[in-house]
Amino acid sequence: MNIAFTLVIQGLVFFVSAWIMMKYIWPVVLEKIETRQKKITDGLAAASKGQKDLDEAEVRSKEIIREAREKAAQIVEQAGKRSSEMVDEAKGTASSEAQRLLAQAQVEVARESTRAREGLRLEVGKLAVQGASRLLGREIDAKTHAELLDRLAAEVARG
């Protein structure tokens, strides 16, 4: 065979193969490449958007944390104020209760003192009657001499 003829046939086969590749296979390959490039571009855009969203979320989270800290500080401050108010209120209540108990105790002391004086006055009257009966040597009737005994008790009570 002739080398020229072989080269022509090989050239022809080459061009036909290249034409078939360009006509049928190359568009499919280009479409796949373009689809892949589009997916990569979309992925990069999504990653960029995701990073941007992450940065925004981080800023928002820092803002929320700052607001929460401010709120917590306000709550602590309000609790401190309320605590002070409650302590002051409790002191006032305790003071008024102490004054009420003191007044009640003073009334009770005065009542007991009056009872004791009355008891002593009666006891002194009885002792005076007994002493007078011994001095006179006869029995003195307490009912008969009640007015005299009351005057005697009053003098003893005055001092």
N, C-alpha and C. Protein backbone atom coordinates (compact mmCIF):
# COMPACT_ATOMS: atom_id res chain seq x y z
N MET A 1 0.82 -1.15 0.00
CA MET A 1 0.00 0.00 0.00
C MET A 1 0.87 1.23 0.00
N ASN A 2 0.26 2.13 -0.45
CA ASN A 2 0.96 3.37 -0.65
C ASN A 2 0.80 4.22 0.62
N ILE A 3 1.87 4.82 1.03
CA ILE A 3 1.89 5.60 2.24
C ILE A 3 1.04 6.85 2.10
N ALA A 4 0.97 7.41 0.93
CA ALA A 4 0.19 8.60 0.72
C ALA A 4 -1.28 8.27 0.88
N PHE A 5 -1.63 7.11 0.30
CA PHE A 5 -3.02 6.71 0.41
C PHE A 5 -3.38 6.47 1.87
N THR A 6 -2.53 5.88 2.64
CA THR A 6 -2.75 5.60 4.06
C THR A 6 -2.88 6.91 4.82
N LEU A 7 -2.04 7.84 4.47
CA LEU A 7 -2.10 9.13 5.18
C LEU A 7 -3.40 9.85 4.84
N VAL A 8 -3.84 9.78 3.66
CA VAL A 8 -5.09 10.44 3.26
C VAL A 8 -6.24 9.76 3.98
N ILE A 9 -6.28 8.46 4.01
CA ILE A 9 -7.37 7.73 4.67
C ILE A 9 -7.34 8.06 6.18
N GLN A 10 -6.16 8.04 6.76
CA GLN A 10 -6.06 8.36 8.18
C GLN A 10 -6.49 9.80 8.44
N GLY A 11 -6.13 10.71 7.57
CA GLY A 11 -6.55 12.11 7.70
C GLY A 11 -8.05 12.22 7.60
N LEU A 12 -8.61 11.46 6.60
CA LEU A 12 -10.06 11.49 6.43
C LEU A 12 -10.76 10.92 7.66
N VAL A 13 -10.29 9.83 8.18
CA VAL A 13 -10.87 9.21 9.38
C VAL A 13 -10.73 10.18 10.55
N PHE A 14 -9.58 10.83 10.60
CA PHE A 14 -9.37 11.80 11.67
C PHE A 14 -10.38 12.93 11.59
N PHE A 15 -10.57 13.51 10.41
CA PHE A 15 -11.50 14.63 10.25
C PHE A 15 -12.95 14.19 10.49
N VAL A 16 -13.31 13.00 10.04
CA VAL A 16 -14.67 12.49 10.26
C VAL A 16 -14.88 12.26 11.77
N SER A 17 -13.90 11.68 12.38
CA SER A 17 -14.00 11.45 13.84
C SER A 17 -14.08 12.78 14.57
N ALA A 18 -13.26 13.73 14.16
CA ALA A 18 -13.29 15.05 14.80
C ALA A 18 -14.62 15.72 14.57
N TRP A 19 -15.15 15.60 13.32
CA TRP A 19 -16.45 16.21 13.03
C TRP A 19 -17.55 15.58 13.87
N ILE A 20 -17.56 14.23 14.01
CA ILE A 20 -18.57 13.53 14.83
C ILE A 20 -18.43 13.96 16.29
N MET A 21 -17.18 14.07 16.73
CA MET A 21 -16.94 14.50 18.11
C MET A 21 -17.47 15.91 18.32
N MET A 22 -17.19 16.81 17.36
CA MET A 22 -17.62 18.19 17.48
C MET A 22 -19.13 18.29 17.37
N LYS A 23 -19.73 17.46 16.59
CA LYS A 23 -21.17 17.54 16.32
C LYS A 23 -21.98 16.90 17.45
N TYR A 24 -21.56 15.73 17.94
CA TYR A 24 -22.40 15.00 18.87
C TYR A 24 -21.83 14.91 20.29
N ILE A 25 -20.59 14.72 20.43
CA ILE A 25 -20.01 14.50 21.76
C ILE A 25 -19.60 15.82 22.42
N TRP A 26 -18.99 16.72 21.68
CA TRP A 26 -18.49 17.97 22.24
C TRP A 26 -19.60 18.82 22.88
N PRO A 27 -20.80 18.95 22.27
CA PRO A 27 -21.85 19.73 22.94
C PRO A 27 -22.28 19.13 24.27
N VAL A 28 -22.33 17.81 24.37
CA VAL A 28 -22.71 17.15 25.62
C VAL A 28 -21.65 17.42 26.68
N VAL A 29 -20.38 17.29 26.29
CA VAL A 29 -19.28 17.54 27.23
C VAL A 29 -19.30 18.99 27.68
N LEU A 30 -19.51 19.93 26.72
CA LEU A 30 -19.56 21.35 27.08
C LEU A 30 -20.74 21.63 28.01
N GLU A 31 -21.87 20.98 27.72
CA GLU A 31 -23.04 21.17 28.59
C GLU A 31 -22.75 20.68 30.00
N LYS A 32 -22.12 19.53 30.12
CA LYS A 32 -21.75 18.99 31.44
C LYS A 32 -20.77 19.92 32.14
N ILE A 33 -19.80 20.45 31.38
CA ILE A 33 -18.82 21.37 31.96
C ILE A 33 -19.51 22.65 32.43
N GLU A 34 -20.41 23.18 31.61
CA GLU A 34 -21.12 24.41 31.98
C GLU A 34 -22.02 24.17 33.19
N THR A 35 -22.68 23.00 33.23
CA THR A 35 -23.53 22.66 34.38
C THR A 35 -22.67 22.58 35.65
N ARG A 36 -21.54 21.95 35.51
CA ARG A 36 -20.63 21.83 36.66
C ARG A 36 -20.13 23.19 37.09
N GLN A 37 -19.77 24.05 36.12
CA GLN A 37 -19.31 25.40 36.44
C GLN A 37 -20.43 26.19 37.15
N LYS A 38 -21.66 26.02 36.67
CA LYS A 38 -22.79 26.72 37.28
C LYS A 38 -22.99 26.24 38.72
N LYS A 39 -22.89 24.92 38.93
CA LYS A 39 -23.03 24.38 40.29
C LYS A 39 -21.94 24.92 41.20
N ILE A 40 -20.71 24.97 40.66
CA ILE A 40 -19.60 25.49 41.45
C ILE A 40 -19.82 26.96 41.78
N THR A 41 -20.27 27.74 40.77
CA THR A 41 -20.53 29.15 40.98
C THR A 41 -21.65 29.34 42.00
N ASP A 42 -22.73 28.55 41.86
CA ASP A 42 -23.83 28.62 42.82
C ASP A 42 -23.37 28.24 44.22
N GLY A 43 -22.55 27.21 44.31
CA GLY A 43 -22.01 26.78 45.60
C GLY A 43 -21.16 27.85 46.24
N LEU A 44 -20.32 28.50 45.42
CA LEU A 44 -19.49 29.58 45.95
C LEU A 44 -20.35 30.77 46.40
N ALA A 45 -21.40 31.05 45.61
CA ALA A 45 -22.30 32.15 45.98
C ALA A 45 -23.04 31.81 47.27
N ALA A 46 -23.48 30.55 47.39
CA ALA A 46 -24.17 30.13 48.60
C ALA A 46 -23.23 30.17 49.80
N ALA A 47 -21.99 29.75 49.59
CA ALA A 47 -21.00 29.80 50.66
C ALA A 47 -20.75 31.24 51.08
N SER A 48 -20.65 32.12 50.09
CA SER A 48 -20.44 33.53 50.39
C SER A 48 -21.64 34.09 51.15
N LYS A 49 -22.85 33.75 50.67
CA LYS A 49 -24.07 34.20 51.35
C LYS A 49 -24.14 33.62 52.75
N GLY A 50 -23.78 32.35 52.89
CA GLY A 50 -23.77 31.71 54.20
C GLY A 50 -22.80 32.39 55.15
N GLN A 51 -21.63 32.74 54.64
CA GLN A 51 -20.63 33.43 55.47
C GLN A 51 -21.16 34.80 55.89
N LYS A 52 -21.82 35.48 54.93
CA LYS A 52 -22.39 36.79 55.24
C LYS A 52 -23.48 36.65 56.30
N ASP A 53 -24.35 35.63 56.12
CA ASP A 53 -25.41 35.38 57.11
C ASP A 53 -24.82 35.03 58.47
N LEU A 54 -23.74 34.24 58.46
CA LEU A 54 -23.07 33.88 59.71
C LEU A 54 -22.52 35.12 60.40
N ASP A 55 -21.90 36.00 59.64
CA ASP A 55 -21.38 37.24 60.21
C ASP A 55 -22.50 38.09 60.80
N GLU A 56 -23.62 38.19 60.05
CA GLU A 56 -24.76 38.96 60.54
C GLU A 56 -25.35 38.32 61.80
N ALA A 57 -25.44 36.99 61.80
CA ALA A 57 -25.97 36.28 62.97
C ALA A 57 -25.05 36.48 64.18
N GLU A 58 -23.76 36.50 63.94
CA GLU A 58 -22.82 36.73 65.02
C GLU A 58 -23.00 38.13 65.61
N VAL A 59 -23.17 39.12 64.72
CA VAL A 59 -23.40 40.49 65.18
C VAL A 59 -24.71 40.56 65.97
N ARG A 60 -25.76 39.92 65.43
CA ARG A 60 -27.05 39.92 66.14
C ARG A 60 -26.95 39.21 67.48
N SER A 61 -26.22 38.10 67.52
CA SER A 61 -26.10 37.37 68.78
C SER A 61 -25.35 38.20 69.83
N LYS A 62 -24.32 38.93 69.37
CA LYS A 62 -23.60 39.80 70.31
C LYS A 62 -24.52 40.91 70.82
N GLU A 63 -25.36 41.44 69.95
CA GLU A 63 -26.32 42.48 70.35
C GLU A 63 -27.33 41.91 71.35
N ILE A 64 -27.82 40.71 71.07
CA ILE A 64 -28.78 40.07 71.98
C ILE A 64 -28.14 39.81 73.33
N ILE A 65 -26.90 39.34 73.32
CA ILE A 65 -26.18 39.08 74.57
C ILE A 65 -25.99 40.38 75.34
N ARG A 66 -25.65 41.46 74.63
CA ARG A 66 -25.46 42.76 75.30
C ARG A 66 -26.77 43.23 75.93
N GLU A 67 -27.88 43.09 75.17
CA GLU A 67 -29.18 43.48 75.70
C GLU A 67 -29.56 42.62 76.91
N ALA A 68 -29.27 41.32 76.83
CA ALA A 68 -29.58 40.42 77.95
C ALA A 68 -28.78 40.81 79.18
N ARG A 69 -27.52 41.17 78.99
CA ARG A 69 -26.71 41.60 80.13
C ARG A 69 -27.25 42.88 80.73
N GLU A 70 -27.67 43.82 79.87
CA GLU A 70 -28.25 45.07 80.38
C GLU A 70 -29.52 44.78 81.16
N LYS A 71 -30.36 43.89 80.61
CA LYS A 71 -31.61 43.53 81.29
C LYS A 71 -31.31 42.87 82.63
N ALA A 72 -30.33 41.98 82.62
CA ALA A 72 -29.96 41.29 83.86
C ALA A 72 -29.47 42.30 84.90
N ALA A 73 -28.67 43.27 84.46
CA ALA A 73 -28.18 44.31 85.38
C ALA A 73 -29.35 45.12 85.93
N GLN A 74 -30.32 45.44 85.07
CA GLN A 74 -31.49 46.18 85.53
C GLN A 74 -32.29 45.35 86.54
N ILE A 75 -32.45 44.07 86.25
CA ILE A 75 -33.19 43.20 87.16
C ILE A 75 -32.48 43.11 88.51
N VAL A 76 -31.17 42.97 88.48
CA VAL A 76 -30.40 42.90 89.72
C VAL A 76 -30.55 44.22 90.48
N GLU A 77 -30.48 45.33 89.76
CA GLU A 77 -30.64 46.64 90.40
C GLU A 77 -32.02 46.78 91.02
N GLN A 78 -33.06 46.37 90.27
CA GLN A 78 -34.42 46.44 90.80
C GLN A 78 -34.58 45.53 92.02
N ALA A 79 -33.97 44.36 91.95
CA ALA A 79 -34.05 43.43 93.08
C ALA A 79 -33.37 44.04 94.30
N GLY A 80 -32.25 44.70 94.10
CA GLY A 80 -31.56 45.37 95.21
C GLY A 80 -32.42 46.46 95.81
N LYS A 81 -33.06 47.27 94.94
CA LYS A 81 -33.94 48.33 95.44
C LYS A 81 -35.10 47.73 96.21
N ARG A 82 -35.71 46.69 95.62
CA ARG A 82 -36.86 46.06 96.28
C ARG A 82 -36.44 45.45 97.61
N SER A 83 -35.26 44.87 97.64
CA SER A 83 -34.74 44.29 98.87
C SER A 83 -34.58 45.38 99.93
N SER A 84 -34.02 46.53 99.53
CA SER A 84 -33.86 47.64 100.48
C SER A 84 -35.22 48.12 100.96
N GLU A 85 -36.18 48.23 100.03
CA GLU A 85 -37.52 48.65 100.41
C GLU A 85 -38.14 47.67 101.40
N MET A 86 -37.94 46.37 101.13
CA MET A 86 -38.52 45.36 102.02
C MET A 86 -37.88 45.42 103.40
N VAL A 87 -36.55 45.66 103.44
CA VAL A 87 -35.86 45.77 104.72
C VAL A 87 -36.37 46.98 105.47
N ASP A 88 -36.51 48.12 104.77
CA ASP A 88 -37.03 49.32 105.41
C ASP A 88 -38.45 49.11 105.91
N GLU A 89 -39.25 48.46 105.08
CA GLU A 89 -40.64 48.17 105.46
C GLU A 89 -40.67 47.25 106.68
N ALA A 90 -39.81 46.25 106.69
CA ALA A 90 -39.75 45.33 107.83
C ALA A 90 -39.30 46.06 109.08
N LYS A 91 -38.33 46.97 108.93
CA LYS A 91 -37.87 47.76 110.09
C LYS A 91 -39.01 48.61 110.63
N GLY A 92 -39.76 49.24 109.72
CA GLY A 92 -40.89 50.06 110.15
C GLY A 92 -41.95 49.22 110.84
N THR A 93 -42.25 48.08 110.28
CA THR A 93 -43.24 47.18 110.89
C THR A 93 -42.77 46.70 112.25
N ALA A 94 -41.49 46.33 112.32
CA ALA A 94 -40.93 45.85 113.59
C ALA A 94 -40.95 46.97 114.63
N SER A 95 -40.63 48.18 114.20
CA SER A 95 -40.62 49.32 115.12
C SER A 95 -42.02 49.59 115.65
N SER A 96 -43.01 49.61 114.74
CA SER A 96 -44.39 49.87 115.19
C SER A 96 -44.87 48.73 116.08
N GLU A 97 -44.50 47.49 115.75
CA GLU A 97 -44.89 46.35 116.57
C GLU A 97 -44.23 46.44 117.94
N ALA A 98 -42.97 46.86 117.98
CA ALA A 98 -42.27 47.02 119.26
C ALA A 98 -42.94 48.11 120.09
N GLN A 99 -43.31 49.22 119.46
CA GLN A 99 -43.99 50.28 120.19
C GLN A 99 -45.35 49.80 120.71
N ARG A 100 -46.07 49.04 119.90
CA ARG A 100 -47.35 48.52 120.34
C ARG A 100 -47.18 47.57 121.52
N LEU A 101 -46.18 46.67 121.43
CA LEU A 101 -45.93 45.74 122.53
C LEU A 101 -45.48 46.47 123.79
N LEU A 102 -44.67 47.52 123.62
CA LEU A 102 -44.21 48.31 124.77
C LEU A 102 -45.39 49.01 125.44
N ALA A 103 -46.28 49.60 124.62
CA ALA A 103 -47.46 50.26 125.18
C ALA A 103 -48.35 49.24 125.90
N GLN A 104 -48.51 48.07 125.29
CA GLN A 104 -49.32 47.02 125.90
C GLN A 104 -48.69 46.56 127.22
N ALA A 105 -47.37 46.43 127.23
CA ALA A 105 -46.67 46.01 128.45
C ALA A 105 -46.82 47.09 129.53
N GLN A 106 -46.73 48.36 129.14
CA GLN A 106 -46.88 49.44 130.11
C GLN A 106 -48.29 49.42 130.72
N VAL A 107 -49.30 49.20 129.87
CA VAL A 107 -50.68 49.11 130.37
C VAL A 107 -50.79 47.94 131.33
N GLU A 108 -50.20 46.81 130.97
CA GLU A 108 -50.26 45.63 131.82
C GLU A 108 -49.54 45.88 133.14
N VAL A 109 -48.40 46.55 133.10
CA VAL A 109 -47.65 46.88 134.33
C VAL A 109 -48.49 47.80 135.21
N ALA A 110 -49.11 48.80 134.59
CA ALA A 110 -49.95 49.72 135.36
C ALA A 110 -51.11 48.97 136.00
N ARG A 111 -51.73 48.06 135.26
CA ARG A 111 -52.85 47.27 135.77
C ARG A 111 -52.40 46.40 136.95
N GLU A 112 -51.24 45.72 136.76
CA GLU A 112 -50.72 44.87 137.84
C GLU A 112 -50.34 45.71 139.05
N SER A 113 -49.77 46.89 138.80
CA SER A 113 -49.40 47.78 139.91
C SER A 113 -50.64 48.21 140.69
N THR A 114 -51.72 48.54 139.96
CA THR A 114 -52.98 48.94 140.60
C THR A 114 -53.54 47.77 141.41
N ARG A 115 -53.50 46.57 140.84
CA ARG A 115 -53.98 45.39 141.57
C ARG A 115 -53.16 45.16 142.84
N ALA A 116 -51.84 45.30 142.69
CA ALA A 116 -50.97 45.09 143.85
C ALA A 116 -51.25 46.13 144.93
N ARG A 117 -51.44 47.39 144.53
CA ARG A 117 -51.75 48.44 145.51
C ARG A 117 -53.07 48.16 146.20
N GLU A 118 -54.06 47.75 145.40
CA GLU A 118 -55.37 47.45 145.97
C GLU A 118 -55.26 46.29 146.95
N GLY A 119 -54.50 45.27 146.55
CA GLY A 119 -54.29 44.13 147.45
C GLY A 119 -53.58 44.53 148.72
N LEU A 120 -52.55 45.36 148.57
CA LEU A 120 -51.80 45.84 149.74
C LEU A 120 -52.70 46.71 150.63
N ARG A 121 -53.53 47.52 149.99
CA ARG A 121 -54.42 48.39 150.78
C ARG A 121 -55.38 47.53 151.60
N LEU A 122 -55.93 46.50 150.97
CA LEU A 122 -56.83 45.62 151.72
C LEU A 122 -56.09 44.88 152.83
N GLU A 123 -54.88 44.45 152.52
CA GLU A 123 -54.08 43.72 153.52
C GLU A 123 -53.72 44.64 154.68
N VAL A 124 -53.35 45.87 154.35
CA VAL A 124 -53.01 46.84 155.42
C VAL A 124 -54.25 47.13 156.27
N GLY A 125 -55.41 47.25 155.59
CA GLY A 125 -56.65 47.47 156.35
C GLY A 125 -56.93 46.34 157.31
N LYS A 126 -56.75 45.10 156.86
CA LYS A 126 -56.97 43.94 157.72
C LYS A 126 -55.99 43.95 158.89
N LEU A 127 -54.73 44.24 158.55
CA LEU A 127 -53.72 44.29 159.62
C LEU A 127 -54.04 45.41 160.61
N ALA A 128 -54.54 46.54 160.11
CA ALA A 128 -54.89 47.65 161.00
C ALA A 128 -56.04 47.24 161.92
N VAL A 129 -57.01 46.55 161.37
CA VAL A 129 -58.14 46.10 162.19
C VAL A 129 -57.66 45.12 163.25
N GLN A 130 -56.80 44.18 162.88
CA GLN A 130 -56.28 43.21 163.84
C GLN A 130 -55.46 43.92 164.93
N GLY A 131 -54.66 44.89 164.45
CA GLY A 131 -53.84 45.63 165.43
C GLY A 131 -54.71 46.44 166.38
N ALA A 132 -55.73 47.06 165.85
CA ALA A 132 -56.62 47.87 166.69
C ALA A 132 -57.38 46.97 167.66
N SER A 133 -57.81 45.79 167.18
CA SER A 133 -58.55 44.90 168.08
C SER A 133 -57.65 44.40 169.20
N ARG A 134 -56.41 44.19 168.96
CA ARG A 134 -55.48 43.75 170.00
C ARG A 134 -55.23 44.89 170.99
N LEU A 135 -55.14 46.11 170.42
CA LEU A 135 -54.90 47.25 171.30
C LEU A 135 -56.12 47.50 172.20
N LEU A 136 -57.26 47.40 171.65
CA LEU A 136 -58.46 47.67 172.41
C LEU A 136 -58.87 46.46 173.24
N GLY A 137 -58.41 45.35 172.86
CA GLY A 137 -58.71 44.15 173.61
C GLY A 137 -60.08 43.59 173.29
N ARG A 138 -60.69 43.98 172.24
CA ARG A 138 -61.97 43.42 171.87
C ARG A 138 -62.03 43.27 170.36
N GLU A 139 -63.04 42.61 169.89
CA GLU A 139 -63.23 42.32 168.46
C GLU A 139 -63.81 43.55 167.79
N ILE A 140 -63.22 43.90 166.62
CA ILE A 140 -63.75 45.01 165.83
C ILE A 140 -64.38 44.40 164.61
N ASP A 141 -65.60 44.80 164.35
CA ASP A 141 -66.34 44.28 163.20
C ASP A 141 -65.96 45.10 161.97
N ALA A 142 -65.45 44.42 160.92
CA ALA A 142 -64.99 45.12 159.71
C ALA A 142 -66.16 45.73 158.97
N LYS A 143 -67.31 45.10 159.03
CA LYS A 143 -68.48 45.63 158.33
C LYS A 143 -68.98 46.89 159.02
N THR A 144 -68.94 46.91 160.30
CA THR A 144 -69.44 48.05 161.07
C THR A 144 -68.54 49.24 160.89
N HIS A 145 -67.28 49.04 160.87
CA HIS A 145 -66.31 50.14 160.79
C HIS A 145 -65.71 50.27 159.40
N ALA A 146 -66.43 49.96 158.35
CA ALA A 146 -65.95 49.98 156.97
C ALA A 146 -65.50 51.37 156.56
N GLU A 147 -66.25 52.41 156.99
CA GLU A 147 -65.87 53.77 156.62
C GLU A 147 -64.53 54.15 157.24
N LEU A 148 -64.35 53.81 158.47
CA LEU A 148 -63.09 54.08 159.16
C LEU A 148 -61.94 53.34 158.49
N LEU A 149 -62.18 52.09 158.12
CA LEU A 149 -61.14 51.28 157.48
C LEU A 149 -60.81 51.83 156.09
N ASP A 150 -61.82 52.32 155.34
CA ASP A 150 -61.56 52.89 154.02
C ASP A 150 -60.69 54.14 154.13
N ARG A 151 -60.97 54.99 155.14
CA ARG A 151 -60.15 56.20 155.33
C ARG A 151 -58.72 55.82 155.69
N LEU A 152 -58.59 54.82 156.52
CA LEU A 152 -57.26 54.35 156.92
C LEU A 152 -56.50 53.81 155.73
N ALA A 153 -57.18 53.05 154.89
CA ALA A 153 -56.55 52.47 153.67
C ALA A 153 -56.15 53.58 152.73
N ALA A 154 -56.98 54.61 152.59
CA ALA A 154 -56.66 55.73 151.70
C ALA A 154 -55.43 56.47 152.20
N GLU A 155 -55.33 56.65 153.51
CA GLU A 155 -54.13 57.34 154.07
C GLU A 155 -52.88 56.50 153.84
N VAL A 156 -53.02 55.20 153.99
CA VAL A 156 -51.87 54.31 153.77
C VAL A 156 -51.48 54.35 152.30
N ALA A 157 -52.46 54.38 151.41
CA ALA A 157 -52.19 54.40 149.96
C ALA A 157 -51.48 55.69 149.55
N ARG A 158 -51.84 56.82 150.20
CA ARG A 158 -51.19 58.08 149.87
C ARG A 158 -49.76 58.10 150.36
N GLY A 159 -49.46 57.37 151.31
CA GLY A 159 -48.09 57.28 151.75
C GLY A 159 -47.95 57.76 153.12
